[in-house]
PDB file of N, CA and C in Angstrom:
ATOM      1  N   MET A   1       3.964   8.967  27.690  1.00  0.00           N
ATOM      2  CA  MET A   1       3.370   8.646  26.597  1.00  0.00           C
ATOM      3  C   MET A   1       2.998   7.010  26.528  1.00  0.00           C
ATOM      4  N   ASN A   2       1.999   6.624  25.736  1.00  0.00           N
ATOM      5  CA  ASN A   2       1.346   5.002  25.739  1.00  0.00           C
ATOM      6  C   ASN A   2       2.460   4.345  25.088  1.00  0.00           C
ATOM      7  N   GLU A   3       3.276   3.394  26.092  1.00  0.00           N
ATOM      8  CA  GLU A   3       4.532   2.463  24.934  1.00  0.00           C
ATOM      9  C   GLU A   3       3.918   1.728  23.784  1.00  0.00           C
ATOM     10  N   ASN A   4       2.244   1.529  23.937  1.00  0.00           N
ATOM     11  CA  ASN A   4       2.288   1.035  22.530  1.00  0.00           C
ATOM     12  C   ASN A   4       1.809   1.743  21.577  1.00  0.00           C
ATOM     13  N   LYS A   5       2.166   2.984  21.705  1.00  0.00           N
ATOM     14  CA  LYS A   5       1.842   3.844  20.491  1.00  0.00           C
ATOM     15  C   LYS A   5       3.077   3.576  19.630  1.00  0.00           C
ATOM     16  N   GLU A   6       2.792   4.161  18.233  1.00  0.00           N
ATOM     17  CA  GLU A   6       3.679   3.775  17.351  1.00  0.00           C
ATOM     18  C   GLU A   6       4.136   4.982  16.728  1.00  0.00           C
ATOM     19  N   PHE A   7       3.651   6.060  17.479  1.00  0.00           N
ATOM     20  CA  PHE A   7       4.525   7.591  16.763  1.00  0.00           C
ATOM     21  C   PHE A   7       4.863   8.224  17.710  1.00  0.00           C
ATOM     22  N   LEU A   8       5.934   9.311  17.663  1.00  0.00           N
ATOM     23  CA  LEU A   8       6.551   9.743  18.770  1.00  0.00           C
ATOM     24  C   LEU A   8       5.663  10.806  19.476  1.00  0.00           C
ATOM     25  N   HIS A   9       5.053  11.478  18.749  1.00  0.00           N
ATOM     26  CA  HIS A   9       4.204  12.618  19.321  1.00  0.00           C
ATOM     27  C   HIS A   9       2.670  12.500  19.612  1.00  0.00           C
ATOM     28  N   ASP A  10       2.077  12.872  21.125  1.00  0.00           N
ATOM     29  CA  ASP A  10       0.735  12.560  21.015  1.00  0.00           C
ATOM     30  C   ASP A  10      -0.199  13.906  20.521  1.00  0.00           C
ATOM     31  N   ILE A  11       0.432  15.222  20.389  1.00  0.00           N
ATOM     32  CA  ILE A  11      -0.370  16.323  20.252  1.00  0.00           C
ATOM     33  C   ILE A  11       0.413  17.010  18.713  1.00  0.00           C
ATOM     34  N   LYS A  12       0.510  17.892  18.071  1.00  0.00           N
ATOM     35  CA  LYS A  12       0.613  18.595  17.125  1.00  0.00           C
ATOM     36  C   LYS A  12       0.068  20.294  17.018  1.00  0.00           C
ATOM     37  N   GLU A  13       0.667  21.267  17.421  1.00  0.00           N
ATOM     38  CA  GLU A  13      -0.005  22.449  17.724  1.00  0.00           C
ATOM     39  C   GLU A  13       0.525  23.026  16.342  1.00  0.00           C
ATOM     40  N   ARG A  14      -0.537  23.507  15.637  1.00  0.00           N
ATOM     41  CA  ARG A  14      -0.534  23.960  14.155  1.00  0.00           C
ATOM     42  C   ARG A  14      -0.979  25.463  14.046  1.00  0.00           C
ATOM     43  N   GLU A  15      -0.131  26.149  13.235  1.00  0.00           N
ATOM     44  CA  GLU A  15      -0.480  27.632  13.049  1.00  0.00           C
ATOM     45  C   GLU A  15      -1.974  27.752  12.701  1.00  0.00           C
ATOM     46  N   GLU A  16      -2.442  28.950  12.700  1.00  0.00           N
ATOM     47  CA  GLU A  16      -3.678  29.324  12.333  1.00  0.00           C
ATOM     48  C   GLU A  16      -4.257  28.829  11.077  1.00  0.00           C
ATOM     49  N   LYS A  17      -2.893  29.700  10.511  1.00  0.00           N
ATOM     50  CA  LYS A  17      -3.515  29.338   8.216  1.00  0.00           C
ATOM     51  C   LYS A  17      -3.066  27.995   8.380  1.00  0.00           C
ATOM     52  N   GLU A  18      -2.527  27.114   8.870  1.00  0.00           N
ATOM     53  CA  GLU A  18      -2.502  25.612   8.328  1.00  0.00           C
ATOM     54  C   GLU A  18      -3.680  24.891   8.687  1.00  0.00           C
ATOM     55  N   TYR A  19      -4.039  25.107  10.600  1.00  0.00           N
ATOM     56  CA  TYR A  19      -5.573  24.634  10.845  1.00  0.00           C
ATOM     57  C   TYR A  19      -6.479  24.915   9.911  1.00  0.00           C
ATOM     58  N   LYS A  20      -6.562  26.075   9.723  1.00  0.00           N
ATOM     59  CA  LYS A  20      -8.010  26.641   8.623  1.00  0.00           C
ATOM     60  C   LYS A  20      -7.805  25.823   7.601  1.00  0.00           C
ATOM     61  N   ASP A  21      -6.666  25.709   6.722  1.00  0.00           N
ATOM     62  CA  ASP A  21      -6.619  25.048   5.593  1.00  0.00           C
ATOM     63  C   ASP A  21      -6.861  23.727   5.639  1.00  0.00           C
ATOM     64  N   LEU A  22      -6.675  22.935   6.497  1.00  0.00           N
ATOM     65  CA  LEU A  22      -6.577  21.504   6.540  1.00  0.00           C
ATOM     66  C   LEU A  22      -8.261  21.644   6.924  1.00  0.00           C
ATOM     67  N   ILE A  23      -9.061  22.209   7.765  1.00  0.00           N
ATOM     68  CA  ILE A  23     -10.053  21.745   7.911  1.00  0.00           C
ATOM     69  C   ILE A  23     -10.865  22.184   7.053  1.00  0.00           C
ATOM     70  N   ASN A  24     -10.443  23.210   5.960  1.00  0.00           N
ATOM     71  CA  ASN A  24     -11.464  23.447   4.792  1.00  0.00           C
ATOM     72  C   ASN A  24     -11.182  22.500   3.792  1.00  0.00           C
ATOM     73  N   ARG A  25     -10.350  21.802   3.754  1.00  0.00           N
ATOM     74  CA  ARG A  25      -9.899  20.593   2.969  1.00  0.00           C
ATOM     75  C   ARG A  25     -11.115  19.579   3.305  1.00  0.00           C
ATOM     76  N   LEU A  26     -10.889  19.212   4.796  1.00  0.00           N
ATOM     77  CA  LEU A  26     -11.667  18.150   5.012  1.00  0.00           C
ATOM     78  C   LEU A  26     -13.113  18.409   5.139  1.00  0.00           C
ATOM     79  N   SER A  27     -13.738  19.682   5.181  1.00  0.00           N
ATOM     80  CA  SER A  27     -15.076  20.202   5.020  1.00  0.00           C
ATOM     81  C   SER A  27     -15.518  19.808   3.815  1.00  0.00           C
ATOM     82  N   ARG A  28     -14.709  20.421   2.841  1.00  0.00           N
ATOM     83  CA  ARG A  28     -15.185  20.194   1.495  1.00  0.00           C
ATOM     84  C   ARG A  28     -15.293  18.393   1.112  1.00  0.00           C
ATOM     85  N   ILE A  29     -14.340  17.748   1.796  1.00  0.00           N
ATOM     86  CA  ILE A  29     -14.143  16.303   1.143  1.00  0.00           C
ATOM     87  C   ILE A  29     -15.492  15.767   1.840  1.00  0.00           C
ATOM     88  N   GLU A  30     -15.913  16.213   3.175  1.00  0.00           N
ATOM     89  CA  GLU A  30     -17.028  15.554   3.626  1.00  0.00           C
ATOM     90  C   GLU A  30     -18.072  15.793   2.930  1.00  0.00           C
ATOM     91  N   GLY A  31     -18.347  17.010   2.584  1.00  0.00           N
ATOM     92  CA  GLY A  31     -19.319  17.327   1.576  1.00  0.00           C
ATOM     93  C   GLY A  31     -19.358  16.717   0.294  1.00  0.00           C
ATOM     94  N   GLN A  32     -18.212  16.469   0.128  1.00  0.00           N
ATOM     95  CA  GLN A  32     -18.242  15.608  -1.341  1.00  0.00           C
ATOM     96  C   GLN A  32     -18.892  14.103  -1.190  1.00  0.00           C
ATOM     97  N   VAL A  33     -18.510  13.373   0.156  1.00  0.00           N
ATOM     98  CA  VAL A  33     -19.036  12.211   0.597  1.00  0.00           C
ATOM     99  C   VAL A  33     -20.294  12.153   0.749  1.00  0.00           C
ATOM    100  N   LYS A  34     -21.117  13.301   1.627  1.00  0.00           N
ATOM    101  CA  LYS A  34     -22.075  13.632   1.542  1.00  0.00           C
ATOM    102  C   LYS A  34     -22.986  13.424   0.234  1.00  0.00           C
ATOM    103  N   GLY A  35     -22.409  14.121  -0.613  1.00  0.00           N
ATOM    104  CA  GLY A  35     -22.988  13.923  -1.875  1.00  0.00           C
ATOM    105  C   GLY A  35     -22.976  12.565  -2.561  1.00  0.00           C
ATOM    106  N   ILE A  36     -22.027  11.796  -2.556  1.00  0.00           N
ATOM    107  CA  ILE A  36     -21.980  10.674  -2.986  1.00  0.00           C
ATOM    108  C   ILE A  36     -23.320   9.528  -1.908  1.00  0.00           C
ATOM    109  N   LYS A  37     -22.940  10.117  -0.952  1.00  0.00           N
ATOM    110  CA  LYS A  37     -24.271   9.082   0.052  1.00  0.00           C
ATOM    111  C   LYS A  37     -25.690   9.483  -0.717  1.00  0.00           C
ATOM    112  N   LYS A  38     -26.342  10.756  -1.180  1.00  0.00           N
ATOM    113  CA  LYS A  38     -27.120  11.378  -1.734  1.00  0.00           C
ATOM    114  C   LYS A  38     -27.433  10.383  -3.033  1.00  0.00           C
ATOM    115  N   MET A  39     -26.504  10.250  -3.701  1.00  0.00           N
ATOM    116  CA  MET A  39     -26.443   9.647  -5.382  1.00  0.00           C
ATOM    117  C   MET A  39     -26.701   8.336  -5.027  1.00  0.00           C
ATOM    118  N   VAL A  40     -26.530   7.783  -4.017  1.00  0.00           N
ATOM    119  CA  VAL A  40     -26.406   6.134  -3.863  1.00  0.00           C
ATOM    120  C   VAL A  40     -27.900   5.897  -3.244  1.00  0.00           C
ATOM    121  N   GLU A  41     -28.375   6.826  -2.512  1.00  0.00           N
ATOM    122  CA  GLU A  41     -29.608   6.845  -1.965  1.00  0.00           C
ATOM    123  C   GLU A  41     -31.061   7.260  -3.218  1.00  0.00           C
ATOM    124  N   LYS A  42     -30.214   7.919  -4.344  1.00  0.00           N
ATOM    125  CA  LYS A  42     -31.359   8.436  -5.293  1.00  0.00           C
ATOM    126  C   LYS A  42     -31.004   7.483  -6.292  1.00  0.00           C
ATOM    127  N   ASP A  43     -30.234   6.488  -6.384  1.00  0.00           N
ATOM    128  CA  ASP A  43     -29.981   5.460  -7.548  1.00  0.00           C
ATOM    129  C   ASP A  43     -29.516   6.167  -8.840  1.00  0.00           C
ATOM    130  N   ALA A  44     -28.422   6.704  -8.290  1.00  0.00           N
ATOM    131  CA  ALA A  44     -27.465   7.411  -9.595  1.00  0.00           C
ATOM    132  C   ALA A  44     -27.025   6.311 -10.165  1.00  0.00           C
ATOM    133  N   TYR A  45     -26.402   6.817 -11.529  1.00  0.00           N
ATOM    134  CA  TYR A  45     -25.902   5.656 -12.276  1.00  0.00           C
ATOM    135  C   TYR A  45     -24.356   5.873 -11.586  1.00  0.00           C
ATOM    136  N   CYS A  46     -24.153   4.234 -11.909  1.00  0.00           N
ATOM    137  CA  CYS A  46     -23.089   4.071 -11.354  1.00  0.00           C
ATOM    138  C   CYS A  46     -21.834   4.805 -11.745  1.00  0.00           C
ATOM    139  N   PRO A  47     -21.630   4.866 -12.911  1.00  0.00           N
ATOM    140  CA  PRO A  47     -20.268   5.472 -13.251  1.00  0.00           C
ATOM    141  C   PRO A  47     -20.444   7.062 -12.918  1.00  0.00           C
ATOM    142  N   ASP A  48     -21.598   7.735 -12.771  1.00  0.00           N
ATOM    143  CA  ASP A  48     -21.471   8.993 -12.348  1.00  0.00           C
ATOM    144  C   ASP A  48     -21.100   8.990 -10.592  1.00  0.00           C
ATOM    145  N   ILE A  49     -21.671   7.953  -9.783  1.00  0.00           N
ATOM    146  CA  ILE A  49     -21.067   7.924  -8.464  1.00  0.00           C
ATOM    147  C   ILE A  49     -19.652   7.744  -8.444  1.00  0.00           C
ATOM    148  N   LEU A  50     -18.896   6.813  -9.294  1.00  0.00           N
ATOM    149  CA  LEU A  50     -17.381   6.543  -9.341  1.00  0.00           C
ATOM    150  C   LEU A  50     -16.740   7.582  -9.578  1.00  0.00           C
ATOM    151  N   THR A  51     -17.377   8.772 -10.706  1.00  0.00           N
ATOM    152  CA  THR A  51     -16.568   9.643 -10.949  1.00  0.00           C
ATOM    153  C   THR A  51     -16.652  10.561  -9.386  1.00  0.00           C
ATOM    154  N   GLN A  52     -17.453  10.782  -8.633  1.00  0.00           N
ATOM    155  CA  GLN A  52     -17.217  11.750  -7.608  1.00  0.00           C
ATOM    156  C   GLN A  52     -16.434  11.001  -6.423  1.00  0.00           C
ATOM    157  N   VAL A  53     -16.313   9.601  -6.625  1.00  0.00           N
ATOM    158  CA  VAL A  53     -15.418   8.670  -5.513  1.00  0.00           C
ATOM    159  C   VAL A  53     -14.184   8.892  -5.955  1.00  0.00           C
ATOM    160  N   SER A  54     -13.920   9.261  -7.351  1.00  0.00           N
ATOM    161  CA  SER A  54     -12.445   9.490  -7.878  1.00  0.00           C
ATOM    162  C   SER A  54     -12.314  10.514  -6.990  1.00  0.00           C
ATOM    163  N   ALA A  55     -13.031  11.800  -7.270  1.00  0.00           N
ATOM    164  CA  ALA A  55     -12.932  13.195  -6.753  1.00  0.00           C
ATOM    165  C   ALA A  55     -12.304  13.371  -5.198  1.00  0.00           C
ATOM    166  N   VAL A  56     -13.001  12.210  -4.681  1.00  0.00           N
ATOM    167  CA  VAL A  56     -12.883  12.688  -3.017  1.00  0.00           C
ATOM    168  C   VAL A  56     -11.480  11.508  -2.787  1.00  0.00           C
ATOM    169  N   THR A  57     -11.256  10.510  -3.712  1.00  0.00           N
ATOM    170  CA  THR A  57     -10.075  10.216  -3.459  1.00  0.00           C
ATOM    171  C   THR A  57      -8.830  10.918  -3.949  1.00  0.00           C
ATOM    172  N   ALA A  58      -9.016  12.022  -4.925  1.00  0.00           N
ATOM    173  CA  ALA A  58      -7.765  12.662  -5.234  1.00  0.00           C
ATOM    174  C   ALA A  58      -7.840  13.885  -4.203  1.00  0.00           C
ATOM    175  N   ALA A  59      -9.098  14.301  -3.627  1.00  0.00           N
ATOM    176  CA  ALA A  59      -9.083  15.267  -2.488  1.00  0.00           C
ATOM    177  C   ALA A  59      -8.215  14.911  -1.317  1.00  0.00           C
ATOM    178  N   LEU A  60      -8.631  13.535  -1.099  1.00  0.00           N
ATOM    179  CA  LEU A  60      -7.908  12.698   0.125  1.00  0.00           C
ATOM    180  C   LEU A  60      -6.368  12.781   0.040  1.00  0.00           C
ATOM    181  N   ASN A  61      -5.890  12.535  -1.346  1.00  0.00           N
ATOM    182  CA  ASN A  61      -4.455  12.251  -1.671  1.00  0.00           C
ATOM    183  C   ASN A  61      -3.830  13.598  -1.533  1.00  0.00           C
ATOM    184  N   SER A  62      -4.657  14.824  -1.953  1.00  0.00           N
ATOM    185  CA  SER A  62      -4.123  16.008  -1.907  1.00  0.00           C
ATOM    186  C   SER A  62      -4.140  16.523  -0.240  1.00  0.00           C
ATOM    187  N   PHE A  63      -5.019  16.385   0.156  1.00  0.00           N
ATOM    188  CA  PHE A  63      -4.900  16.895   1.885  1.00  0.00           C
ATOM    189  C   PHE A  63      -3.753  15.810   2.558  1.00  0.00           C
ATOM    190  N   SER A  64      -3.305  14.685   2.165  1.00  0.00           N
ATOM    191  CA  SER A  64      -2.198  13.771   2.874  1.00  0.00           C
ATOM    192  C   SER A  64      -1.028  14.544   2.220  1.00  0.00           C
ATOM    193  N   LYS A  65      -0.900  14.741   1.192  1.00  0.00           N
ATOM    194  CA  LYS A  65       0.085  15.390   0.551  1.00  0.00           C
ATOM    195  C   LYS A  65       0.554  16.760   1.394  1.00  0.00           C
ATOM    196  N   VAL A  66      -0.438  17.846   1.568  1.00  0.00           N
ATOM    197  CA  VAL A  66      -0.310  18.715   2.510  1.00  0.00           C
ATOM    198  C   VAL A  66       0.070  18.205   3.752  1.00  0.00           C
ATOM    199  N   LEU A  67      -0.418  17.644   4.211  1.00  0.00           N
ATOM    200  CA  LEU A  67      -0.331  17.377   5.876  1.00  0.00           C
ATOM    201  C   LEU A  67       1.005  16.809   6.172  1.00  0.00           C
ATOM    202  N   LEU A  68       1.542  15.985   5.246  1.00  0.00           N
ATOM    203  CA  LEU A  68       2.686  15.205   4.854  1.00  0.00           C
ATOM    204  C   LEU A  68       3.942  16.035   5.018  1.00  0.00           C
ATOM    205  N   GLY A  69       3.571  17.174   3.926  1.00  0.00           N
ATOM    206  CA  GLY A  69       4.574  18.221   3.892  1.00  0.00           C
ATOM    207  C   GLY A  69       4.574  19.318   5.264  1.00  0.00           C
ATOM    208  N   ASN A  70       3.971  19.282   5.660  1.00  0.00           N
ATOM    209  CA  ASN A  70       4.029  20.729   6.852  1.00  0.00           C
ATOM    210  C   ASN A  70       4.467  19.686   7.736  1.00  0.00           C
ATOM    211  N   HIS A  71       4.170  18.447   7.924  1.00  0.00           N
ATOM    212  CA  HIS A  71       4.777  17.462   9.022  1.00  0.00           C
ATOM    213  C   HIS A  71       6.261  17.091   8.697  1.00  0.00           C
ATOM    214  N   ILE A  72       6.755  17.147   7.588  1.00  0.00           N
ATOM    215  CA  ILE A  72       8.193  17.267   7.047  1.00  0.00           C
ATOM    216  C   ILE A  72       8.813  18.747   7.657  1.00  0.00           C
ATOM    217  N   LYS A  73       8.035  19.606   7.340  1.00  0.00           N
ATOM    218  CA  LYS A  73       8.895  21.223   7.308  1.00  0.00           C
ATOM    219  C   LYS A  73       8.995  21.134   8.817  1.00  0.00           C
ATOM    220  N   THR A  74       7.848  20.741   9.559  1.00  0.00           N
ATOM    221  CA  THR A  74       7.888  21.141  11.188  1.00  0.00           C
ATOM    222  C   THR A  74       8.390  20.125  12.081  1.00  0.00           C
ATOM    223  N   CYS A  75       7.920  19.381  12.161  1.00  0.00           N
ATOM    224  CA  CYS A  75       7.978  18.094  13.183  1.00  0.00           C
ATOM    225  C   CYS A  75       9.488  17.041  12.979  1.00  0.00           C
ATOM    226  N   VAL A  76       9.476  16.733  11.538  1.00  0.00           N
ATOM    227  CA  VAL A  76      10.651  16.587  11.298  1.00  0.00           C
ATOM    228  C   VAL A  76      11.675  16.923  11.246  1.00  0.00           C
ATOM    229  N   VAL A  77      11.698  18.292  10.744  1.00  0.00           N
ATOM    230  CA  VAL A  77      12.554  18.951  10.755  1.00  0.00           C
ATOM    231  C   VAL A  77      13.214  19.400  12.403  1.00  0.00           C
ATOM    232  N   ASP A  78      12.405  19.683  13.377  1.00  0.00           N
ATOM    233  CA  ASP A  78      12.673  19.976  14.757  1.00  0.00           C
ATOM    234  C   ASP A  78      13.178  18.929  15.308  1.00  0.00           C
ATOM    235  N   ASP A  79      12.575  17.368  14.945  1.00  0.00           N
ATOM    236  CA  ASP A  79      13.277  16.079  15.955  1.00  0.00           C
ATOM    237  C   ASP A  79      14.696  16.191  15.410  1.00  0.00           C
ATOM    238  N   ILE A  80      14.693  16.259  14.223  1.00  0.00           N
ATOM    239  CA  ILE A  80      16.324  16.148  13.719  1.00  0.00           C
ATOM    240  C   ILE A  80      17.357  17.056  14.406  1.00  0.00           C
ATOM    241  N   LYS A  81      16.775  18.540  14.270  1.00  0.00           N
ATOM    242  CA  LYS A  81      17.390  19.461  15.039  1.00  0.00           C
ATOM    243  C   LYS A  81      17.712  18.926  16.630  1.00  0.00           C
ATOM    244  N   GLU A  82      16.858  18.173  17.309  1.00  0.00           N
ATOM    245  CA  GLU A  82      17.043  17.786  18.880  1.00  0.00           C
ATOM    246  C   GLU A  82      17.525  16.699  18.855  1.00  0.00           C
ATOM    247  N   ASP A  83      18.031  15.818  17.640  1.00  0.00           N
ATOM    248  CA  ASP A  83      18.903  14.593  17.432  1.00  0.00           C
ATOM    249  C   ASP A  83      18.012  13.514  17.693  1.00  0.00           C
ATOM    250  N   LYS A  84      16.646  13.719  17.369  1.00  0.00           N
ATOM    251  CA  LYS A  84      15.662  12.730  17.574  1.00  0.00           C
ATOM    252  C   LYS A  84      15.373  11.847  16.382  1.00  0.00           C
ATOM    253  N   LEU A  85      16.210  10.940  16.192  1.00  0.00           N
ATOM    254  CA  LEU A  85      16.203  10.770  14.563  1.00  0.00           C
ATOM    255  C   LEU A  85      15.306   9.389  14.358  1.00  0.00           C
ATOM    256  N   GLU A  86      14.801   9.264  15.415  1.00  0.00           N
ATOM    257  CA  GLU A  86      13.743   7.889  15.268  1.00  0.00           C
ATOM    258  C   GLU A  86      12.418   8.708  14.671  1.00  0.00           C
ATOM    259  N   SER A  87      12.600   9.827  14.575  1.00  0.00           N
ATOM    260  CA  SER A  87      11.325  10.516  13.478  1.00  0.00           C
ATOM    261  C   SER A  87      11.689  10.158  12.045  1.00  0.00           C
ATOM    262  N   ILE A  88      12.859   9.822  11.637  1.00  0.00           N
ATOM    263  CA  ILE A  88      13.041   9.468  10.238  1.00  0.00           C
ATOM    264  C   ILE A  88      12.162   8.357  10.232  1.00  0.00           C
ATOM    265  N   ASP A  89      12.592   7.390  11.322  1.00  0.00           N
ATOM    266  CA  ASP A  89      11.505   5.835  10.962  1.00  0.00           C
ATOM    267  C   ASP A  89      10.596   6.104  10.823  1.00  0.00           C
ATOM    268  N   GLU A  90      10.037   6.937  12.068  1.00  0.00           N
ATOM    269  CA  GLU A  90       8.557   7.410  11.645  1.00  0.00           C
ATOM    270  C   GLU A  90       8.068   7.954  10.429  1.00  0.00           C
ATOM    271  N   LEU A  91       8.646   8.719   9.945  1.00  0.00           N
ATOM    272  CA  LEU A  91       8.276   9.164   8.797  1.00  0.00           C
ATOM    273  C   LEU A  91       8.207   8.325   7.399  1.00  0.00           C
ATOM    274  N   VAL A  92       9.370   7.113   7.375  1.00  0.00           N
ATOM    275  CA  VAL A  92       9.476   6.147   6.751  1.00  0.00           C
ATOM    276  C   VAL A  92       8.045   5.129   6.979  1.00  0.00           C
ATOM    277  N   THR A  93       7.759   5.015   8.183  1.00  0.00           N
ATOM    278  CA  THR A  93       6.774   4.315   8.318  1.00  0.00           C
ATOM    279  C   THR A  93       5.181   4.812   7.490  1.00  0.00           C
ATOM    280  N   ILE A  94       5.327   6.158   8.045  1.00  0.00           N
ATOM    281  CA  ILE A  94       3.931   7.040   7.550  1.00  0.00           C
ATOM    282  C   ILE A  94       4.194   6.479   5.993  1.00  0.00           C
ATOM    283  N   MET A  95       4.916   6.916   5.287  1.00  0.00           N
ATOM    284  CA  MET A  95       5.048   6.950   4.231  1.00  0.00           C
ATOM    285  C   MET A  95       4.678   5.775   3.589  1.00  0.00           C
ATOM    286  N   GLN A  96       5.345   4.485   4.001  1.00  0.00           N
ATOM    287  CA  GLN A  96       4.439   3.425   3.540  1.00  0.00           C
ATOM    288  C   GLN A  96       3.410   3.103   3.900  1.00  0.00           C
ATOM    289  N   LYS A  97       2.696   3.696   4.679  1.00  0.00           N
ATOM    290  CA  LYS A  97       1.152   3.622   4.706  1.00  0.00           C
ATOM    291  C   LYS A  97       0.581   4.361   3.653  1.00  0.00           C
ATOM    292  N   LEU A  98       0.892   5.389   3.483  1.00  0.00           N
ATOM    293  CA  LEU A  98       0.289   6.191   2.317  1.00  0.00           C
ATOM    294  C   LEU A  98       0.498   5.578   1.075  1.00  0.00           C
ATOM    295  N   MET A  99       1.440   4.853   0.525  1.00  0.00           N
ATOM    296  CA  MET A  99       1.808   4.126  -0.673  1.00  0.00           C
ATOM    297  C   MET A  99       1.029   3.124  -0.909  1.00  0.00           C
ATOM    298  N   ARG A 100       0.389   2.158   0.078  1.00  0.00           N
ATOM    299  CA  ARG A 100      -0.406   1.197  -0.340  1.00  0.00           C
ATOM    300  C   ARG A 100      -1.537   1.277  -1.068  1.00  0.00           C
TER     301      ARG A 100
END
């Protein structure tokens, strides 16, 4: 592992259901962002654009919550079972970044 890396793992194998859910969420978010770009290109009214930005922000927050929950239930629990307690420090770091 690269010693400059901040996190413990390089990859995470996901179950098919989790993978599809995350990809679907990201695809919807991507579509929303493209819609915002079109609104700007068409000189849409600022409050209308901001409403859509708020929706994207909420969708990204929801994505983060789902991903964080999955991470805790799998990676963190597995690491704790293997006595890799540094996973807790990593989790704290991630949560601090999410709460900015």
